[in-house]
Protein backbone atom coordinates (compact mmCIF):
# COMPACT_ATOMS: atom_id res chain seq x y z
CA MET A 1 11.24 3.27 18.26
CA SER A 2 11.43 4.57 14.20
CA LEU A 3 10.63 1.02 13.09
CA ILE A 4 7.74 0.18 14.86
CA TRP A 5 5.91 4.19 13.46
CA SER A 6 6.70 2.74 10.41
CA LEU A 7 5.33 -0.24 10.45
CA ILE A 8 1.80 1.73 11.97
CA VAL A 9 1.67 4.48 9.25
CA GLY A 10 2.75 1.61 6.68
CA GLY A 11 -0.33 -0.46 7.64
CA ILE A 12 -2.39 2.36 8.11
CA LEU A 13 -1.56 3.40 4.07
CA GLY A 14 -2.32 -0.06 3.74
CA TRP A 15 -5.75 -0.60 4.79
CA LEU A 16 -6.11 3.19 2.83
CA GLY A 17 -5.39 1.90 -0.12
CA SER A 18 -7.52 -1.39 0.76
CA LEU A 19 -10.31 0.33 1.18
CA ILE A 20 -10.49 3.20 -1.36
CA VAL A 21 -9.79 0.49 -4.25
CA GLY A 22 -12.65 -1.82 -2.56
CA LYS A 23 -10.25 -4.99 -2.34
CA ASP A 24 -8.65 -6.78 0.31
CA ILE A 25 -5.07 -7.66 0.47
CA PRO A 26 -4.20 -11.39 1.25
CA GLY A 27 -2.28 -11.54 4.35
CA GLY A 28 -4.45 -9.42 6.68
CA VAL A 29 -2.60 -6.92 8.74
CA ILE A 30 0.73 -7.93 7.52
CA GLY A 31 0.08 -7.62 3.86
CA ASN A 32 -1.49 -4.45 4.89
CA ILE A 33 2.10 -3.42 6.40
CA ILE A 34 3.94 -4.78 3.36
CA ALA A 35 1.23 -2.81 0.71
CA GLY A 36 1.66 0.70 2.70
CA ILE A 37 5.57 0.01 3.06
CA VAL A 38 5.93 -1.06 -0.95
CA GLY A 39 3.21 1.32 -1.53
CA ALA A 40 5.43 4.46 -0.04
CA TRP A 41 7.97 3.28 -2.21
CA ILE A 42 6.14 3.34 -5.38
CA GLY A 43 4.30 6.69 -4.66
CA SER A 44 7.48 8.29 -3.60
CA ALA A 45 9.23 6.65 -6.63
CA LEU A 46 6.84 8.11 -9.39
CA LEU A 47 5.41 11.70 -7.63
CA GLY A 48 8.33 12.41 -5.73
CA ASP A 49 8.31 13.90 -1.51
CA ILE A 50 5.49 16.19 -1.69
CA GLY A 51 3.05 16.96 1.14
CA PRO A 52 3.11 16.13 4.56
CA GLU A 53 5.51 13.56 6.10
CA VAL A 54 4.95 11.27 8.53
CA GLY A 55 7.06 7.97 10.01
CA GLY A 56 9.53 8.77 7.15
CA TYR A 57 6.62 8.25 4.43
CA SER A 58 5.21 10.99 2.47
CA ILE A 59 1.50 10.58 3.06
CA ILE A 60 0.32 11.92 -0.32
CA PRO A 61 2.62 9.75 -2.67
CA ALA A 62 2.55 7.07 -0.09
CA LEU A 63 -1.55 6.47 -0.45
CA ILE A 64 -1.73 6.92 -4.30
CA GLY A 65 1.40 4.05 -4.47
CA ALA A 66 -0.80 1.88 -2.06
CA ILE A 67 -3.83 2.26 -4.22
CA ILE A 68 -1.68 1.37 -7.24
CA LEU A 69 -0.36 -1.29 -5.82
CA VAL A 70 -3.33 -3.12 -4.60
CA PHE A 71 -5.43 -2.06 -7.77
CA VAL A 72 -2.18 -4.03 -9.20
CA LEU A 73 -2.60 -6.84 -6.85
CA SER A 74 -6.15 -7.25 -7.56
CA LEU A 75 -5.72 -7.88 -11.57
CA ILE A 76 -3.15 -10.43 -10.77
CA MET A 77 -5.19 -12.48 -8.42
CA ARG A 78 -8.27 -11.98 -10.42
CA ALA A 79 -6.36 -13.60 -13.12
CA MET A 80 -4.64 -16.32 -11.05
CA ARG A 81 -8.34 -17.20 -9.96
CA LYS A 82 -9.55 -17.50 -13.36
CA ALA A 83 -6.37 -19.72 -14.96
CA ASN A 84 -6.66 -22.05 -11.95
CA LYS A 85 -10.54 -22.81 -12.69
């Protein structure tokens, strides 16, 4: 059950990160889940475990990490599109 809960929270975090940045994550729901999980890892590495915890993720660092990840991915995707033209 904790795996399902982690996937749900990761998906929500990835979705919120993409909403805040204003860019979509490639891959839809699966992309959001991956962005949320990787973003949680990045955020906890940068900020530690501060704030409330849901589904094994500290929400504030995880959201900040997801925002950073979505922003970096959008820059990479834009550079790849320009290189292909």
